C-alpha cells in the first residue's frame, strides 16, 4: 500500500497556535489559583468569624468585659447623720440588683390593679430600691397619703406613717432619669409615670415614697434638679379614677384624698 504524504502546517499558524496554548495555560492557571484563593479566603473568613464569636463569648462571660451593670455609673456616698438618728447606708439596696434592665411589676391600690414597667437601665438605684421594698412586703397596707388636683396631677404613696414623714429607715441618691426642658421652660412628667418623691433641694433624700402622675404635669425642678422617673404604669391607671375624682379632704387641691387609698400589694419580677 502506498503511504500518504503528511500535510505540513504553516509555520505562522503553528507559532500562533503555540502562543494561544501558552496564554490559555496561563489563564487556566490563574483561574485555578483564584479559585483556590477564594476557597482559602472563605475558610479564613469563617475561621475569623468563629474566633470572634468565641472571643466575645469568653470576654463577656469569663474575662473582664463590659460589666452587665455598666449603667450604674455612681457609688453611694454616706449621707450626713441627722441628730439623734443612726447612719443607715448599709440598708440601701444595691443598685446592681436592678441588673440594668427593664422589669415588670404590679401594684394593687384599692381595686386598681396597676401593671408596671420599671426602667432599670435609666434609674438602677431607684428600681433596685422599689424592687427590694415591694418584694419584701414593705408596701403591704401602706397608704397613698397625698393627692394633688391642680397645677400638677399626682397621687403620692409609700409612706407607712401616712403623713409625708415616713420611710424605710434610710434615704438615698442620686437623682436619676429626671426629665429636662429647654431654658426657661418647665419639664413635663407624662401621664402614667412613676417618680420618686424627695425633700426639696436634697438629692439624696429619697426613700420609699413615690408619686403616680395621673395626668401630664409640668413640675418645676429645684436647686438640685428634677425627680427620678423610675417606671411607668402600662395598664390599669383608670382604676385610680374613684380616688382622683373624690378630691382632697377639706375641698382643697393638695392634701389627703377623700377616698382612702391604700397599697394592698406590690411585686416586681
Protein backbone atom coordinates (compact mmCIF):
# COMPACT_ATOMS: atom_id res chain seq x y z
CA UNK A 1 0.00 0.00 0.00
CA UNK A 2 1.32 3.32 -0.89
CA UNK A 3 1.90 5.65 2.12
CA UNK A 4 0.04 9.01 2.42
CA UNK A 5 2.10 12.14 2.32
CA UNK A 6 1.78 14.09 5.59
CA UNK A 7 0.32 17.55 5.27
CA UNK A 8 2.66 20.26 6.55
CA UNK A 9 1.42 23.03 8.92
CA UNK A 10 2.13 26.59 8.05
CA UNK A 11 4.89 27.85 10.38
CA UNK A 12 2.99 31.06 11.17
CA UNK A 13 -0.13 29.11 12.10
CA UNK A 14 1.91 26.79 14.29
CA UNK A 15 3.54 29.73 16.04
CA UNK A 16 0.16 31.41 16.61
CA UNK A 17 -1.31 28.17 17.99
CA UNK A 18 1.64 27.78 20.32
CA UNK A 19 1.20 31.33 21.65
CA UNK A 20 -2.55 30.70 22.12
CA UNK A 21 -1.93 27.48 24.06
CA UNK A 22 0.67 29.20 26.22
CA UNK A 23 -1.70 32.05 27.02
CA UNK A 24 -4.55 29.61 27.71
CA UNK A 25 -2.34 27.66 30.12
CA UNK A 26 -1.54 30.89 31.99
CA UNK A 27 -5.25 31.79 32.13
CA UNK A 28 -6.20 28.32 33.32
CA UNK A 29 -3.52 28.54 35.97
CA UNK A 30 -4.77 31.93 37.12
CA UNK A 31 -8.34 30.67 37.28
CA UNK A 32 -7.20 27.67 39.30
CA UNK A 33 -5.15 29.85 41.64
CA UNK A 34 -8.03 32.32 42.00
CA UNK A 35 -10.46 29.52 42.84
CA UNK A 36 -8.07 28.18 45.44
CA UNK A 37 -7.58 31.70 46.82
CA UNK A 38 -11.35 32.22 47.03
CA UNK A 39 -11.81 28.94 48.88
CA UNK A 40 -8.97 29.88 51.22
CA UNK A 41 -10.44 33.32 51.79
CA UNK A 42 -13.83 31.80 52.64
CA UNK A 43 -12.22 29.38 55.08
CA UNK A 44 -10.18 32.15 56.70
CA UNK A 45 -13.22 34.46 56.94
CA UNK A 46 -15.28 31.71 58.54
CA UNK A 47 -12.49 30.94 60.97
CA UNK A 48 -12.12 34.62 61.92
CA UNK A 49 -15.89 34.89 62.44
CA UNK A 50 -15.97 31.84 64.68
CA UNK A 51 -12.94 33.09 66.57
CA UNK A 52 -14.57 36.49 67.07
CA UNK A 53 -17.72 34.87 68.43
CA UNK A 54 -15.75 32.68 70.80
CA UNK A 55 -13.61 35.61 71.88
CA UNK A 56 -16.69 37.75 72.51
CA UNK A 57 -18.33 34.96 74.48
CA UNK A 58 -15.20 34.43 76.54
CA UNK A 59 -14.71 38.16 77.04
CA UNK A 60 -18.20 38.83 78.31
CA UNK A 61 -18.68 35.60 80.23
CA UNK A 62 -15.26 34.78 81.63
CA UNK A 63 -13.00 37.76 81.07
CA UNK A 64 -13.22 41.33 82.34
CA UNK A 65 -15.54 42.50 79.54
CA UNK A 66 -18.21 45.16 79.95
CA UNK A 67 -19.99 44.76 83.23
CA UNK A 68 -23.66 43.79 82.99
CA UNK A 69 -24.13 46.65 85.45
CA UNK A 70 -22.44 49.26 83.25
CA UNK A 71 -25.41 51.59 83.70
CA UNK A 72 -24.51 52.00 87.39
CA UNK A 73 -22.12 54.91 86.98
CA UNK A 74 -22.19 56.11 90.57
CA UNK A 75 -21.41 54.86 94.05
CA UNK A 76 -23.44 55.58 97.13
CA UNK A 77 -21.87 58.08 99.49
CA UNK A 78 -22.59 58.15 103.17
CA UNK A 79 -25.38 60.57 103.98
CA UNK A 80 -24.86 63.05 106.80
CA UNK A 81 -26.10 61.60 110.07
CA UNK A 82 -29.07 63.54 111.37
CA UNK A 83 -29.14 64.48 115.03
CA UNK A 84 -30.27 61.51 117.09
CA UNK A 85 -30.50 59.18 114.09
CA UNK A 86 -28.07 56.37 113.17
CA UNK A 87 -26.18 56.18 109.88
CA UNK A 88 -28.10 53.88 107.58
CA UNK A 89 -26.05 53.48 104.40
CA UNK A 90 -25.82 49.72 104.79
CA UNK A 91 -29.58 49.34 104.41
CA UNK A 92 -29.77 50.93 100.96
CA UNK A 93 -30.43 48.21 98.34
CA UNK A 94 -27.55 47.74 95.92
CA UNK A 95 -28.24 49.47 92.59
CA UNK A 96 -26.88 46.37 90.80
CA UNK A 97 -29.98 44.49 91.92
CA UNK A 98 -31.82 46.11 89.00
CA UNK A 99 -29.40 44.34 86.59
CA UNK A 100 -29.72 47.43 84.40
CA UNK A 101 -32.75 46.10 82.57
CA UNK A 102 -36.46 46.76 82.38
CA UNK A 103 -38.56 44.97 84.95
CA UNK A 104 -42.26 44.26 85.14
CA UNK A 105 -44.34 44.56 88.25
CA UNK A 106 -47.77 45.15 89.70
CA UNK A 107 -49.27 47.48 92.26
CA UNK A 108 -52.69 46.98 93.84
CA UNK A 109 -54.18 50.23 95.18
CA UNK A 110 -57.71 49.71 96.47
CA UNK A 111 -59.37 48.00 93.48
CA UNK A 112 -56.94 49.35 90.91
CA UNK A 113 -54.62 46.62 89.62
CA UNK A 114 -51.75 48.55 88.04
CA UNK A 115 -49.25 46.88 85.71
CA UNK A 116 -45.79 48.41 85.79
CA UNK A 117 -42.69 48.68 83.66
CA UNK A 118 -39.59 49.72 85.63
CA UNK A 119 -36.59 51.31 83.93
CA UNK A 120 -33.63 49.52 85.44
CA UNK A 121 -31.15 50.89 82.93
CA UNK A 122 -32.20 54.51 83.31
CA UNK A 123 -32.75 54.52 87.08
CA UNK A 124 -30.92 51.49 88.53
CA UNK A 125 -30.82 52.70 92.15
CA UNK A 126 -34.48 53.70 92.31
CA UNK A 127 -35.59 50.48 90.61
CA UNK A 128 -33.45 48.35 92.93
CA UNK A 129 -34.95 50.19 95.87
CA UNK A 130 -38.54 49.71 94.69
CA UNK A 131 -37.88 46.05 93.89
CA UNK A 132 -36.44 45.38 97.32
CA UNK A 133 -39.26 47.12 99.18
CA UNK A 134 -42.01 45.60 97.03
CA UNK A 135 -40.74 42.04 97.14
CA UNK A 136 -40.09 42.16 100.88
CA UNK A 137 -43.65 43.26 101.71
CA UNK A 138 -42.84 46.83 102.72
CA UNK A 139 -45.67 48.26 100.63
CA UNK A 140 -48.34 45.96 102.04
CA UNK A 141 -51.12 48.09 103.60
CA UNK A 142 -49.24 51.37 103.09
CA UNK A 143 -51.36 54.46 102.32
CA UNK A 144 -51.34 56.91 99.45
CA UNK A 145 -51.46 59.98 101.65
CA UNK A 146 -51.38 62.90 99.20
CA UNK A 147 -53.46 63.88 96.19
CA UNK A 148 -52.76 66.99 94.09
CA UNK A 149 -55.52 68.05 91.70
CA UNK A 150 -54.47 71.45 90.37
CA UNK A 151 -51.33 72.62 88.56
CA UNK A 152 -49.76 69.22 88.91
CA UNK A 153 -51.68 65.96 88.98
CA UNK A 154 -50.18 63.30 91.19
CA UNK A 155 -51.08 60.70 93.79
CA UNK A 156 -48.25 60.22 96.28
CA UNK A 157 -47.83 56.88 98.05
CA UNK A 158 -45.37 54.79 100.02
CA UNK A 159 -45.25 56.45 103.44
CA UNK A 160 -46.03 53.94 106.20
CA UNK A 161 -46.82 56.83 108.57
CA UNK A 162 -49.30 58.31 106.14
CA UNK A 163 -48.32 61.90 106.85
CA UNK A 164 -45.40 62.53 104.47
CA UNK A 165 -42.63 61.98 107.02
CA UNK A 166 -42.21 58.20 106.92
CA UNK A 167 -39.84 55.99 105.01
CA UNK A 168 -37.89 52.73 105.02
CA UNK A 169 -35.32 53.84 107.62
CA UNK A 170 -32.76 55.10 105.08
CA UNK A 171 -32.50 57.66 102.32
CA UNK A 172 -30.54 57.63 99.10
CA UNK A 173 -29.45 59.47 95.94
CA UNK A 174 -28.51 60.45 93.30
CA UNK A 175 -31.32 61.75 91.12
CA UNK A 176 -31.67 59.54 88.03
CA UNK A 177 -33.53 59.91 84.75
CA UNK A 178 -35.15 63.25 85.52
CA UNK A 179 -36.85 64.88 82.51
CA UNK A 180 -35.38 68.12 81.21
CA UNK A 181 -36.70 71.09 79.28
CA UNK A 182 -35.23 73.98 77.27
CA UNK A 183 -34.07 77.01 79.24
CA UNK A 184 -36.99 78.95 80.64
CA UNK A 185 -39.42 76.04 80.35
CA UNK A 186 -40.68 73.52 82.91
CA UNK A 187 -40.16 69.75 82.40
CA UNK A 188 -43.25 67.68 81.68
CA UNK A 189 -43.92 64.47 83.59
CA UNK A 190 -46.12 62.25 81.45
CA UNK A 191 -49.36 60.54 82.43
CA UNK A 192 -48.64 57.14 83.95
CA UNK A 193 -45.08 57.88 85.04
CA UNK A 194 -43.76 56.73 88.41
CA UNK A 195 -41.30 59.08 90.09
CA UNK A 196 -39.52 59.20 93.43
CA UNK A 197 -40.65 61.79 95.95
CA UNK A 198 -37.96 63.56 97.96
CA UNK A 199 -37.31 66.52 100.22
CA UNK A 200 -36.98 69.83 98.40
CA UNK A 201 -33.41 70.73 97.43
CA UNK A 202 -31.99 67.42 98.73
CA UNK A 203 -30.90 65.00 96.02
CA UNK A 204 -30.11 62.17 98.47
CA UNK A 205 -33.39 62.27 100.38
CA UNK A 206 -35.30 59.54 98.52
CA UNK A 207 -36.70 56.56 100.40
CA UNK A 208 -39.96 54.69 99.89
CA UNK A 209 -42.27 57.50 98.83
CA UNK A 210 -43.13 57.87 95.16
CA UNK A 211 -45.79 59.59 93.11
CA UNK A 212 -48.03 58.48 90.27
CA UNK A 213 -48.62 61.05 87.55
CA UNK A 214 -52.27 60.58 86.53
CA UNK A 215 -52.28 63.47 84.03
CA UNK A 216 -49.47 65.23 82.16
CA UNK A 217 -47.91 67.66 84.63
CA UNK A 218 -45.31 70.38 84.42
CA UNK A 219 -43.29 70.03 87.62
CA UNK A 220 -40.56 72.60 88.26
CA UNK A 221 -37.08 71.43 89.19
CA UNK A 222 -35.45 72.82 92.33
CA UNK A 223 -31.83 73.67 93.12
CA UNK A 224 -30.70 70.03 92.81
CA UNK A 225 -32.71 69.09 89.72
CA UNK A 226 -35.85 67.17 88.93
CA UNK A 227 -37.39 63.94 90.20
CA UNK A 228 -36.25 60.41 89.40
CA UNK A 229 -38.60 58.73 86.91
CA UNK A 230 -38.11 55.02 87.56
CA UNK A 231 -41.02 53.49 85.68
CA UNK A 232 -44.48 53.81 84.24
CA UNK A 233 -47.93 52.29 84.52
CA UNK A 234 -48.69 50.26 81.40
CA UNK A 235 -52.30 49.37 82.27
CA UNK A 236 -54.90 49.91 84.95
CA UNK A 237 -54.40 53.64 85.55
CA UNK A 238 -58.13 54.31 85.10
CA UNK A 239 -58.71 52.22 88.20
CA UNK A 240 -57.49 55.19 90.25
CA UNK A 241 -60.33 57.41 89.00
CA UNK A 242 -62.55 56.90 92.09
CA UNK A 243 -59.70 58.21 94.27
CA UNK A 244 -58.87 61.10 91.95
CA UNK A 245 -62.48 62.12 91.33
CA UNK A 246 -63.17 62.02 95.06
CA UNK A 247 -60.92 65.00 95.51
CA UNK A 248 -59.00 66.29 98.51
CA UNK A 249 -60.28 66.44 102.07
CA UNK A 250 -61.48 69.90 103.05
CA UNK A 251 -62.09 70.87 99.44
CA UNK A 252 -58.51 71.89 98.73
CA UNK A 253 -56.30 70.88 95.84
CA UNK A 254 -53.35 69.36 97.73
CA UNK A 255 -53.73 67.04 100.68
CA UNK A 256 -55.15 63.76 101.89
CA UNK A 257 -57.64 62.21 99.44
CA UNK A 258 -61.29 62.00 100.46
CA UNK A 259 -61.35 58.36 99.31
CA UNK A 260 -58.94 56.40 101.45
CA UNK A 261 -56.25 54.99 99.19
CA UNK A 262 -54.06 52.08 100.26
CA UNK A 263 -51.39 49.99 98.58
CA UNK A 264 -52.51 46.45 99.31
CA UNK A 265 -49.79 44.60 97.44
CA UNK A 266 -46.75 45.24 95.26
CA UNK A 267 -44.37 42.94 93.41
CA UNK A 268 -41.59 43.13 90.82
CA UNK A 269 -40.15 40.44 88.56
